[in-house]
PDB file of all heavy atoms in Angstrom:
ATOM      1  N   GLY A   1     -89.782-194.665 -30.430  1.00  0.00           N
ATOM      2  CA  GLY A   1     -89.806-193.362 -29.796  1.00  0.00           C
ATOM      3  C   GLY A   1     -89.557-192.167 -30.775  1.00  0.00           C
ATOM      4  O   GLY A   1     -89.791-191.059 -30.380  1.00  0.00           O
ATOM      5  N   GLY A   2     -89.131-192.493 -31.970  1.00  0.00           N
ATOM      6  CA  GLY A   2     -88.855-191.465 -32.947  1.00  0.00           C
ATOM      7  C   GLY A   2     -90.122-191.013 -33.668  1.00  0.00           C
ATOM      8  O   GLY A   2     -91.236-191.457 -33.376  1.00  0.00           O
ATOM      9  N   SER A   3     -89.932-190.123 -34.663  1.00  0.00           N
ATOM     10  CA  SER A   3     -90.993-189.553 -35.382  1.00  0.00           C
ATOM     11  C   SER A   3     -90.751-189.590 -36.902  1.00  0.00           C
ATOM     12  O   SER A   3     -89.606-189.574 -37.352  1.00  0.00           O
ATOM     13  CB  SER A   3     -91.217-188.105 -34.956  1.00  0.00           C
ATOM     14  OG  SER A   3     -91.538-187.982 -33.609  1.00  0.00           O
ATOM     15  N   LEU A   4     -91.848-189.629 -37.629  1.00  0.00           N
ATOM     16  CA  LEU A   4     -91.851-189.484 -39.062  1.00  0.00           C
ATOM     17  C   LEU A   4     -93.047-188.673 -39.502  1.00  0.00           C
ATOM     18  O   LEU A   4     -94.068-188.715 -38.795  1.00  0.00           O
ATOM     19  CB  LEU A   4     -91.857-190.838 -39.795  1.00  0.00           C
ATOM     20  CG  LEU A   4     -90.579-191.686 -39.799  1.00  0.00           C
ATOM     21  CD1 LEU A   4     -90.892-193.036 -40.384  1.00  0.00           C
ATOM     22  CD2 LEU A   4     -89.493-191.009 -40.579  1.00  0.00           C
ATOM     23  N   ARG A   5     -92.939-188.016 -40.634  1.00  0.00           N
ATOM     24  CA  ARG A   5     -94.084-187.287 -41.220  1.00  0.00           C
ATOM     25  C   ARG A   5     -94.283-187.765 -42.619  1.00  0.00           C
ATOM     26  O   ARG A   5     -93.417-187.608 -43.486  1.00  0.00           O
ATOM     27  CB  ARG A   5     -93.850-185.803 -41.195  1.00  0.00           C
ATOM     28  CG  ARG A   5     -95.115-185.001 -41.555  1.00  0.00           C
ATOM     29  CD  ARG A   5     -94.805-183.545 -41.800  1.00  0.00           C
ATOM     30  NE  ARG A   5     -95.997-182.732 -41.800  1.00  0.00           N
ATOM     31  CZ  ARG A   5     -96.092-181.575 -42.429  1.00  0.00           C
ATOM     32  NH1 ARG A   5     -95.049-181.063 -43.097  1.00  0.00           N
ATOM     33  NH2 ARG A   5     -97.228-180.866 -42.363  1.00  0.00           N
ATOM     34  N   LEU A   6     -95.424-188.352 -42.876  1.00  0.00           N
ATOM     35  CA  LEU A   6     -95.809-188.797 -44.210  1.00  0.00           C
ATOM     36  C   LEU A   6     -96.596-187.755 -44.922  1.00  0.00           C
ATOM     37  O   LEU A   6     -97.415-187.034 -44.326  1.00  0.00           O
ATOM     38  CB  LEU A   6     -96.631-190.091 -44.137  1.00  0.00           C
ATOM     39  CG  LEU A   6     -96.029-191.268 -43.364  1.00  0.00           C
ATOM     40  CD1 LEU A   6     -96.931-192.478 -43.490  1.00  0.00           C
ATOM     41  CD2 LEU A   6     -94.648-191.582 -43.836  1.00  0.00           C
ATOM     42  N   SER A   7     -96.362-187.612 -46.261  1.00  0.00           N
ATOM     43  CA  SER A   7     -97.112-186.694 -47.067  1.00  0.00           C
ATOM     44  C   SER A   7     -97.703-187.477 -48.267  1.00  0.00           C
ATOM     45  O   SER A   7     -97.154-188.443 -48.758  1.00  0.00           O
ATOM     46  CB  SER A   7     -96.208-185.590 -47.624  1.00  0.00           C
ATOM     47  OG  SER A   7     -95.672-184.794 -46.560  1.00  0.00           O
ATOM     48  N   CYS A   8     -98.851-186.993 -48.707  1.00  0.00           N
ATOM     49  CA  CYS A   8     -99.532-187.597 -49.872  1.00  0.00           C
ATOM     50  C   CYS A   8    -100.179-186.515 -50.663  1.00  0.00           C
ATOM     51  O   CYS A   8    -101.122-185.868 -50.179  1.00  0.00           O
ATOM     52  CB  CYS A   8    -100.554-188.635 -49.379  1.00  0.00           C
ATOM     53  SG  CYS A   8    -101.545-189.347 -50.692  1.00  0.00           S
ATOM     54  N   ALA A   9     -99.691-186.265 -51.872  1.00  0.00           N
ATOM     55  CA  ALA A   9    -100.137-185.187 -52.704  1.00  0.00           C
ATOM     56  C   ALA A   9    -100.940-185.756 -53.921  1.00  0.00           C
ATOM     57  O   ALA A   9    -100.455-186.608 -54.616  1.00  0.00           O
ATOM     58  CB  ALA A   9     -98.992-184.352 -53.194  1.00  0.00           C
ATOM     59  N   ALA A  10    -102.118-185.245 -54.074  1.00  0.00           N
ATOM     60  CA  ALA A  10    -102.987-185.626 -55.182  1.00  0.00           C
ATOM     61  C   ALA A  10    -102.838-184.617 -56.332  1.00  0.00           C
ATOM     62  O   ALA A  10    -102.737-183.428 -56.114  1.00  0.00           O
ATOM     63  CB  ALA A  10    -104.439-185.726 -54.782  1.00  0.00           C
ATOM     64  N   SER A  11    -102.796-185.141 -57.563  1.00  0.00           N
ATOM     65  CA  SER A  11    -102.723-184.275 -58.728  1.00  0.00           C
ATOM     66  C   SER A  11    -103.509-184.897 -59.865  1.00  0.00           C
ATOM     67  O   SER A  11    -103.805-186.087 -59.861  1.00  0.00           O
ATOM     68  CB  SER A  11    -101.248-184.075 -59.159  1.00  0.00           C
ATOM     69  OG  SER A  11    -100.647-185.320 -59.540  1.00  0.00           O
ATOM     70  N   GLY A  12    -103.827-184.052 -60.850  1.00  0.00           N
ATOM     71  CA  GLY A  12    -104.593-184.534 -62.012  1.00  0.00           C
ATOM     72  C   GLY A  12    -105.846-183.710 -62.206  1.00  0.00           C
ATOM     73  O   GLY A  12    -105.947-182.591 -61.739  1.00  0.00           O
ATOM     74  N   SER A  13    -106.756-184.313 -62.922  1.00  0.00           N
ATOM     75  CA  SER A  13    -108.042-183.671 -63.221  1.00  0.00           C
ATOM     76  C   SER A  13    -109.019-183.800 -62.058  1.00  0.00           C
ATOM     77  O   SER A  13    -109.930-184.612 -62.102  1.00  0.00           O
ATOM     78  CB  SER A  13    -108.615-184.232 -64.525  1.00  0.00           C
ATOM     79  OG  SER A  13    -107.716-184.066 -65.611  1.00  0.00           O
ATOM     80  N   ILE A  14    -108.780-183.004 -61.060  1.00  0.00           N
ATOM     81  CA  ILE A  14    -109.563-183.096 -59.819  1.00  0.00           C
ATOM     82  C   ILE A  14    -110.602-181.990 -59.778  1.00  0.00           C
ATOM     83  O   ILE A  14    -110.261-180.782 -59.869  1.00  0.00           O
ATOM     84  CB  ILE A  14    -108.627-182.961 -58.580  1.00  0.00           C
ATOM     85  CG1 ILE A  14    -107.629-184.139 -58.587  1.00  0.00           C
ATOM     86  CG2 ILE A  14    -109.458-182.973 -57.316  1.00  0.00           C
ATOM     87  CD1 ILE A  14    -106.560-183.976 -57.553  1.00  0.00           C
ATOM     88  N   PHE A  15    -111.840-182.395 -59.648  1.00  0.00           N
ATOM     89  CA  PHE A  15    -112.916-181.415 -59.446  1.00  0.00           C
ATOM     90  C   PHE A  15    -113.064-181.079 -57.961  1.00  0.00           C
ATOM     91  O   PHE A  15    -113.145-179.900 -57.598  1.00  0.00           O
ATOM     92  CB  PHE A  15    -114.241-181.951 -60.022  1.00  0.00           C
ATOM     93  CG  PHE A  15    -115.380-180.995 -59.856  1.00  0.00           C
ATOM     94  CD1 PHE A  15    -115.542-179.966 -60.749  1.00  0.00           C
ATOM     95  CD2 PHE A  15    -116.290-181.124 -58.819  1.00  0.00           C
ATOM     96  CE1 PHE A  15    -116.606-179.061 -60.619  1.00  0.00           C
ATOM     97  CE2 PHE A  15    -117.339-180.242 -58.657  1.00  0.00           C
ATOM     98  CZ  PHE A  15    -117.503-179.208 -59.588  1.00  0.00           C
ATOM     99  N   SER A  16    -113.045-182.088 -57.147  1.00  0.00           N
ATOM    100  CA  SER A  16    -113.187-181.896 -55.717  1.00  0.00           C
ATOM    101  C   SER A  16    -112.690-183.117 -54.971  1.00  0.00           C
ATOM    102  O   SER A  16    -112.885-184.249 -55.427  1.00  0.00           O
ATOM    103  CB  SER A  16    -114.634-181.609 -55.291  1.00  0.00           C
ATOM    104  OG  SER A  16    -114.777-181.349 -53.945  1.00  0.00           O
ATOM    105  N   ILE A  17    -111.997-182.905 -53.839  1.00  0.00           N
ATOM    106  CA  ILE A  17    -111.572-183.963 -52.979  1.00  0.00           C
ATOM    107  C   ILE A  17    -112.434-183.983 -51.719  1.00  0.00           C
ATOM    108  O   ILE A  17    -112.564-182.936 -51.093  1.00  0.00           O
ATOM    109  CB  ILE A  17    -110.095-183.840 -52.612  1.00  0.00           C
ATOM    110  CG1 ILE A  17    -109.217-183.898 -53.879  1.00  0.00           C
ATOM    111  CG2 ILE A  17    -109.683-184.958 -51.648  1.00  0.00           C
ATOM    112  CD1 ILE A  17    -107.750-183.772 -53.601  1.00  0.00           C
ATOM    113  N   TYR A  18    -112.936-185.104 -51.393  1.00  0.00           N
ATOM    114  CA  TYR A  18    -113.785-185.237 -50.168  1.00  0.00           C
ATOM    115  C   TYR A  18    -112.870-185.824 -49.076  1.00  0.00           C
ATOM    116  O   TYR A  18    -111.939-185.171 -48.629  1.00  0.00           O
ATOM    117  CB  TYR A  18    -114.962-186.083 -50.455  1.00  0.00           C
ATOM    118  CG  TYR A  18    -115.919-185.393 -51.471  1.00  0.00           C
ATOM    119  CD1 TYR A  18    -115.725-185.490 -52.851  1.00  0.00           C
ATOM    120  CD2 TYR A  18    -116.907-184.551 -51.035  1.00  0.00           C
ATOM    121  CE1 TYR A  18    -116.530-184.833 -53.762  1.00  0.00           C
ATOM    122  CE2 TYR A  18    -117.747-183.865 -51.951  1.00  0.00           C
ATOM    123  CZ  TYR A  18    -117.573-183.995 -53.299  1.00  0.00           C
ATOM    124  OH  TYR A  18    -118.355-183.322 -54.190  1.00  0.00           O
ATOM    125  N   GLY A  19    -113.183-187.013 -48.616  1.00  0.00           N
ATOM    126  CA  GLY A  19    -112.388-187.558 -47.530  1.00  0.00           C
ATOM    127  C   GLY A  19    -110.982-187.983 -48.004  1.00  0.00           C
ATOM    128  O   GLY A  19    -110.795-188.386 -49.151  1.00  0.00           O
ATOM    129  N   MET A  20    -110.034-187.921 -47.082  1.00  0.00           N
ATOM    130  CA  MET A  20    -108.664-188.394 -47.307  1.00  0.00           C
ATOM    131  C   MET A  20    -108.224-189.187 -46.052  1.00  0.00           C
ATOM    132  O   MET A  20    -108.832-188.963 -45.000  1.00  0.00           O
ATOM    133  CB  MET A  20    -107.701-187.245 -47.604  1.00  0.00           C
ATOM    134  CG  MET A  20    -108.106-186.369 -48.730  1.00  0.00           C
ATOM    135  SD  MET A  20    -106.878-185.056 -49.040  1.00  0.00           S
ATOM    136  CE  MET A  20    -105.654-185.965 -50.010  1.00  0.00           C
ATOM    137  N   GLY A  21    -107.211-189.989 -46.213  1.00  0.00           N
ATOM    138  CA  GLY A  21    -106.757-190.708 -45.014  1.00  0.00           C
ATOM    139  C   GLY A  21    -105.667-191.684 -45.303  1.00  0.00           C
ATOM    140  O   GLY A  21    -105.057-191.658 -46.388  1.00  0.00           O
ATOM    141  N   TRP A  22    -105.390-192.502 -44.312  1.00  0.00           N
ATOM    142  CA  TRP A  22    -104.263-193.425 -44.333  1.00  0.00           C
ATOM    143  C   TRP A  22    -104.670-194.801 -43.847  1.00  0.00           C
ATOM    144  O   TRP A  22    -105.370-194.928 -42.836  1.00  0.00           O
ATOM    145  CB  TRP A  22    -103.107-192.896 -43.466  1.00  0.00           C
ATOM    146  CG  TRP A  22    -102.535-191.618 -43.906  1.00  0.00           C
ATOM    147  CD1 TRP A  22    -102.959-190.370 -43.571  1.00  0.00           C
ATOM    148  CD2 TRP A  22    -101.417-191.446 -44.757  1.00  0.00           C
ATOM    149  NE1 TRP A  22    -102.190-189.438 -44.159  1.00  0.00           N
ATOM    150  CE2 TRP A  22    -101.233-190.057 -44.929  1.00  0.00           C
ATOM    151  CE3 TRP A  22    -100.559-192.326 -45.441  1.00  0.00           C
ATOM    152  CZ2 TRP A  22    -100.211-189.520 -45.718  1.00  0.00           C
ATOM    153  CZ3 TRP A  22     -99.548-191.819 -46.223  1.00  0.00           C
ATOM    154  CH2 TRP A  22     -99.390-190.425 -46.346  1.00  0.00           C
ATOM    155  N   TYR A  23    -104.240-195.828 -44.564  1.00  0.00           N
ATOM    156  CA  TYR A  23    -104.277-197.224 -44.173  1.00  0.00           C
ATOM    157  C   TYR A  23    -102.851-197.696 -43.947  1.00  0.00           C
ATOM    158  O   TYR A  23    -101.889-197.102 -44.473  1.00  0.00           O
ATOM    159  CB  TYR A  23    -104.984-198.118 -45.180  1.00  0.00           C
ATOM    160  CG  TYR A  23    -106.477-198.067 -45.202  1.00  0.00           C
ATOM    161  CD1 TYR A  23    -107.165-197.051 -45.858  1.00  0.00           C
ATOM    162  CD2 TYR A  23    -107.216-199.052 -44.573  1.00  0.00           C
ATOM    163  CE1 TYR A  23    -108.540-197.045 -45.913  1.00  0.00           C
ATOM    164  CE2 TYR A  23    -108.580-199.039 -44.617  1.00  0.00           C
ATOM    165  CZ  TYR A  23    -109.245-198.019 -45.262  1.00  0.00           C
ATOM    166  OH  TYR A  23    -110.620-198.045 -45.317  1.00  0.00           O
ATOM    167  N   ARG A  24    -102.716-198.795 -43.241  1.00  0.00           N
ATOM    168  CA  ARG A  24    -101.419-199.470 -43.186  1.00  0.00           C
ATOM    169  C   ARG A  24    -101.625-200.988 -43.189  1.00  0.00           C
ATOM    170  O   ARG A  24    -102.689-201.476 -42.788  1.00  0.00           O
ATOM    171  CB  ARG A  24    -100.631-199.045 -41.929  1.00  0.00           C
ATOM    172  CG  ARG A  24    -101.216-199.486 -40.618  1.00  0.00           C
ATOM    173  CD  ARG A  24    -100.451-198.892 -39.452  1.00  0.00           C
ATOM    174  NE  ARG A  24    -100.975-199.310 -38.172  1.00  0.00           N
ATOM    175  CZ  ARG A  24    -100.528-198.858 -37.004  1.00  0.00           C
ATOM    176  NH1 ARG A  24     -99.566-197.941 -36.975  1.00  0.00           N
ATOM    177  NH2 ARG A  24    -101.044-199.290 -35.859  1.00  0.00           N
ATOM    178  N   GLN A  25    -100.610-201.680 -43.619  1.00  0.00           N
ATOM    179  CA  GLN A  25    -100.658-203.131 -43.664  1.00  0.00           C
ATOM    180  C   GLN A  25     -99.286-203.695 -43.349  1.00  0.00           C
ATOM    181  O   GLN A  25     -98.284-203.383 -44.032  1.00  0.00           O
ATOM    182  CB  GLN A  25    -101.151-203.650 -45.027  1.00  0.00           C
ATOM    183  CG  GLN A  25    -101.372-205.144 -45.022  1.00  0.00           C
ATOM    184  CD  GLN A  25    -102.194-205.610 -46.209  1.00  0.00           C
ATOM    185  OE1 GLN A  25    -102.194-204.994 -47.256  1.00  0.00           O
ATOM    186  NE2 GLN A  25    -102.936-206.689 -46.041  1.00  0.00           N
ATOM    187  N   ALA A  26     -99.221-204.511 -42.325  1.00  0.00           N
ATOM    188  CA  ALA A  26     -98.008-205.192 -41.928  1.00  0.00           C
ATOM    189  C   ALA A  26     -98.082-206.641 -42.405  1.00  0.00           C
ATOM    190  O   ALA A  26     -99.182-207.217 -42.561  1.00  0.00           O
ATOM    191  CB  ALA A  26     -97.847-205.163 -40.406  1.00  0.00           C
ATOM    192  N   PRO A  27     -96.909-207.276 -42.639  1.00  0.00           N
ATOM    193  CA  PRO A  27     -96.906-208.649 -43.081  1.00  0.00           C
ATOM    194  C   PRO A  27     -97.679-209.548 -42.101  1.00  0.00           C
ATOM    195  O   PRO A  27     -97.487-209.480 -40.884  1.00  0.00           O
ATOM    196  CB  PRO A  27     -95.458-209.023 -43.114  1.00  0.00           C
ATOM    197  CG  PRO A  27     -94.742-207.731 -43.302  1.00  0.00           C
ATOM    198  CD  PRO A  27     -95.554-206.725 -42.545  1.00  0.00           C
ATOM    199  N   GLY A  28     -98.570-210.365 -42.636  1.00  0.00           N
ATOM    200  CA  GLY A  28     -99.319-211.300 -41.855  1.00  0.00           C
ATOM    201  C   GLY A  28    -100.496-210.714 -41.097  1.00  0.00           C
ATOM    202  O   GLY A  28    -101.154-211.389 -40.340  1.00  0.00           O
ATOM    203  N   LYS A  29    -100.785-209.424 -41.322  1.00  0.00           N
ATOM    204  CA  LYS A  29    -101.909-208.770 -40.638  1.00  0.00           C
ATOM    205  C   LYS A  29    -102.854-208.184 -41.662  1.00  0.00           C
ATOM    206  O   LYS A  29    -102.498-207.924 -42.810  1.00  0.00           O
ATOM    207  CB  LYS A  29    -101.371-207.665 -39.729  1.00  0.00           C
ATOM    208  CG  LYS A  29    -100.548-208.136 -38.538  1.00  0.00           C
ATOM    209  CD  LYS A  29    -100.206-207.005 -37.606  1.00  0.00           C
ATOM    210  CE  LYS A  29     -99.414-207.497 -36.418  1.00  0.00           C
ATOM    211  NZ  LYS A  29     -99.121-206.402 -35.502  1.00  0.00           N
ATOM    212  N   GLN A  30    -104.091-207.952 -41.214  1.00  0.00           N
ATOM    213  CA  GLN A  30    -105.083-207.308 -42.047  1.00  0.00           C
ATOM    214  C   GLN A  30    -104.786-205.826 -42.216  1.00  0.00           C
ATOM    215  O   GLN A  30    -104.132-205.202 -41.380  1.00  0.00           O
ATOM    216  CB  GLN A  30    -106.484-207.475 -41.423  1.00  0.00           C
ATOM    217  CG  GLN A  30    -106.991-208.930 -41.421  1.00  0.00           C
ATOM    218  CD  GLN A  30    -108.364-209.000 -40.844  1.00  0.00           C
ATOM    219  OE1 GLN A  30    -108.746-208.258 -39.979  1.00  0.00           O
ATOM    220  NE2 GLN A  30    -109.157-209.955 -41.360  1.00  0.00           N
ATOM    221  N   ARG A  31    -105.226-205.265 -43.309  1.00  0.00           N
ATOM    222  CA  ARG A  31    -105.103-203.859 -43.565  1.00  0.00           C
ATOM    223  C   ARG A  31    -105.886-203.070 -42.486  1.00  0.00           C
ATOM    224  O   ARG A  31    -107.058-203.418 -42.239  1.00  0.00           O
ATOM    225  CB  ARG A  31    -105.517-203.477 -44.974  1.00  0.00           C
ATOM    226  CG  ARG A  31    -105.212-202.017 -45.305  1.00  0.00           C
ATOM    227  CD  ARG A  31    -105.466-201.764 -46.774  1.00  0.00           C
ATOM    228  NE  ARG A  31    -106.877-201.975 -47.155  1.00  0.00           N
ATOM    229  CZ  ARG A  31    -107.373-201.687 -48.372  1.00  0.00           C
ATOM    230  NH1 ARG A  31    -106.595-201.195 -49.321  1.00  0.00           N
ATOM    231  NH2 ARG A  31    -108.629-201.940 -48.617  1.00  0.00           N
ATOM    232  N   GLU A  32    -105.299-202.071 -41.942  1.00  0.00           N
ATOM    233  CA  GLU A  32    -105.886-201.289 -40.858  1.00  0.00           C
ATOM    234  C   GLU A  32    -106.086-199.845 -41.247  1.00  0.00           C
ATOM    235  O   GLU A  32    -105.151-199.215 -41.747  1.00  0.00           O
ATOM    236  CB  GLU A  32    -104.988-201.371 -39.616  1.00  0.00           C
ATOM    237  CG  GLU A  32    -105.490-200.557 -38.411  1.00  0.00           C
ATOM    238  CD  GLU A  32    -104.449-200.527 -37.300  1.00  0.00           C
ATOM    239  OE1 GLU A  32    -103.287-200.802 -37.535  1.00  0.00           O
ATOM    240  OE2 GLU A  32    -104.891-200.252 -36.139  1.00  0.00           O
ATOM    241  N   LEU A  33    -107.268-199.315 -40.982  1.00  0.00           N
ATOM    242  CA  LEU A  33    -107.512-197.921 -41.186  1.00  0.00           C
ATOM    243  C   LEU A  33    -106.883-197.131 -40.037  1.00  0.00           C
ATOM    244  O   LEU A  33    -107.205-197.362 -38.864  1.00  0.00           O
ATOM    245  CB  LEU A  33    -109.005-197.618 -41.275  1.00  0.00           C
ATOM    246  CG  LEU A  33    -109.409-196.171 -41.518  1.00  0.00           C
ATOM    247  CD1 LEU A  33    -108.881-195.667 -42.822  1.00  0.00           C
ATOM    248  CD2 LEU A  33    -110.916-196.031 -41.442  1.00  0.00           C
ATOM    249  N   VAL A  34    -105.949-196.218 -40.351  1.00  0.00           N
ATOM    250  CA  VAL A  34    -105.196-195.504 -39.367  1.00  0.00           C
ATOM    251  C   VAL A  34    -105.864-194.202 -38.987  1.00  0.00           C
ATOM    252  O   VAL A  34    -106.041-193.907 -37.769  1.00  0.00           O
ATOM    253  CB  VAL A  34    -103.771-195.233 -39.846  1.00  0.00           C
ATOM    254  CG1 VAL A  34    -102.999-194.405 -38.811  1.00  0.00           C
ATOM    255  CG2 VAL A  34    -103.039-196.542 -40.105  1.00  0.00           C
ATOM    256  N   ALA A  35    -106.231-193.403 -39.968  1.00  0.00           N
ATOM    257  CA  ALA A  35    -106.777-192.071 -39.689  1.00  0.00           C
ATOM    258  C   ALA A  35    -107.501-191.586 -40.928  1.00  0.00           C
ATOM    259  O   ALA A  35    -107.132-191.875 -42.069  1.00  0.00           O
ATOM    260  CB  ALA A  35    -105.698-191.091 -39.277  1.00  0.00           C
ATOM    261  N   THR A  36    -108.568-190.813 -40.698  1.00  0.00           N
ATOM    262  CA  THR A  36    -109.323-190.190 -41.777  1.00  0.00           C
ATOM    263  C   THR A  36    -109.570-188.720 -41.457  1.00  0.00           C
ATOM    264  O   THR A  36    -109.640-188.311 -40.305  1.00  0.00           O
ATOM    265  CB  THR A  36    -110.669-190.879 -41.997  1.00  0.00           C
ATOM    266  OG1 THR A  36    -111.497-190.770 -40.843  1.00  0.00           O
ATOM    267  CG2 THR A  36    -110.482-192.353 -42.318  1.00  0.00           C
ATOM    268  N   ILE A  37    -109.735-187.950 -42.507  1.00  0.00           N
ATOM    269  CA  ILE A  37    -110.094-186.550 -42.389  1.00  0.00           C
ATOM    270  C   ILE A  37    -111.035-186.187 -43.536  1.00  0.00           C
ATOM    271  O   ILE A  37    -110.739-186.452 -44.707  1.00  0.00           O
ATOM    272  CB  ILE A  37    -108.877-185.642 -42.337  1.00  0.00           C
ATOM    273  CG1 ILE A  37    -109.268-184.156 -42.121  1.00  0.00           C
ATOM    274  CG2 ILE A  37    -107.983-185.796 -43.563  1.00  0.00           C
ATOM    275  CD1 ILE A  37    -108.096-183.274 -41.751  1.00  0.00           C
ATOM    276  N   THR A  38    -112.180-185.590 -43.240  1.00  0.00           N
ATOM    277  CA  THR A  38    -113.137-185.235 -44.220  1.00  0.00           C
ATOM    278  C   THR A  38    -112.759-183.893 -44.845  1.00  0.00           C
ATOM    279  O   THR A  38    -111.866-183.171 -44.362  1.00  0.00           O
ATOM    280  CB  THR A  38    -114.546-185.147 -43.647  1.00  0.00           C
ATOM    281  OG1 THR A  38    -114.618-184.010 -42.769  1.00  0.00           O
ATOM    282  CG2 THR A  38    -114.920-186.406 -42.895  1.00  0.00           C
ATOM    283  N   GLY A  39    -113.470-183.518 -45.911  1.00  0.00           N
ATOM    284  CA  GLY A  39    -113.241-182.231 -46.522  1.00  0.00           C
ATOM    285  C   GLY A  39    -113.501-181.072 -45.597  1.00  0.00           C
ATOM    286  O   GLY A  39    -112.909-180.009 -45.728  1.00  0.00           O
ATOM    287  N   GLY A  40    -114.407-181.286 -44.617  1.00  0.00           N
ATOM    288  CA  GLY A  40    -114.711-180.279 -43.628  1.00  0.00           C
ATOM    289  C   GLY A  40    -113.809-180.306 -42.406  1.00  0.00           C
ATOM    290  O   GLY A  40    -113.986-179.487 -41.507  1.00  0.00           O
ATOM    291  N   GLY A  41    -112.841-181.228 -42.369  1.00  0.00           N
ATOM    292  CA  GLY A  41    -111.892-181.277 -41.309  1.00  0.00           C
ATOM    293  C   GLY A  41    -112.218-182.189 -40.117  1.00  0.00           C
ATOM    294  O   GLY A  41    -111.533-182.157 -39.086  1.00  0.00           O
ATOM    295  N   ARG A  42    -113.254-182.986 -40.271  1.00  0.00           N
ATOM    296  CA  ARG A  42    -113.596-183.959 -39.191  1.00  0.00           C
ATOM    297  C   ARG A  42    -112.582-185.133 -39.234  1.00  0.00           C
ATOM    298  O   ARG A  42    -112.313-185.649 -40.277  1.00  0.00           O
ATOM    299  CB  ARG A  42    -115.016-184.498 -39.363  1.00  0.00           C
ATOM    300  CG  ARG A  42    -116.073-183.412 -39.233  1.00  0.00           C
ATOM    301  CD  ARG A  42    -117.466-183.985 -39.346  1.00  0.00           C
ATOM    302  NE  ARG A  42    -118.484-182.964 -39.349  1.00  0.00           N
ATOM    303  CZ  ARG A  42    -119.036-182.490 -38.233  1.00  0.00           C
ATOM    304  NH1 ARG A  42    -118.684-182.928 -37.042  1.00  0.00           N
ATOM    305  NH2 ARG A  42    -119.988-181.534 -38.324  1.00  0.00           N
ATOM    306  N   ILE A  43    -112.079-185.493 -38.083  1.00  0.00           N
ATOM    307  CA  ILE A  43    -110.983-186.440 -37.970  1.00  0.00           C
ATOM    308  C   ILE A  43    -111.356-187.634 -37.109  1.00  0.00           C
ATOM    309  O   ILE A  43    -112.040-187.472 -36.098  1.00  0.00           O
ATOM    310  CB  ILE A  43    -109.721-185.719 -37.374  1.00  0.00           C
ATOM    311  CG1 ILE A  43    -109.219-184.670 -38.356  1.00  0.00           C
ATOM    312  CG2 ILE A  43    -108.648-186.750 -37.035  1.00  0.00           C
ATOM    313  CD1 ILE A  43    -108.151-183.780 -37.760  1.00  0.00           C
ATOM    314  N   ASN A  44    -110.913-188.796 -37.522  1.00  0.00           N
ATOM    315  CA  ASN A  44    -111.032-190.037 -36.706  1.00  0.00           C
ATOM    316  C   ASN A  44    -109.699-190.778 -36.764  1.00  0.00           C
ATOM    317  O   ASN A  44    -109.043-190.795 -37.798  1.00  0.00           O
ATOM    318  CB  ASN A  44    -112.170-190.905 -37.208  1.00  0.00           C
ATOM    319  CG  ASN A  44    -113.529-190.399 -36.800  1.00  0.00           C
ATOM    320  OD1 ASN A  44    -113.893-190.444 -35.654  1.00  0.00           O
ATOM    321  ND2 ASN A  44    -114.263-189.857 -37.781  1.00  0.00           N
TER     322      ASN A  44
END
């Protein structure tokens, strides 16, 4: 029932960032795509 906020900051020689997102993996389970966001802000 609680909440957390994850952050992920990219740095380096970046010309442009397109899609970004999050995966998760629990022990004994396949890696799961959690959420994606494109450079234009489209979200799944």
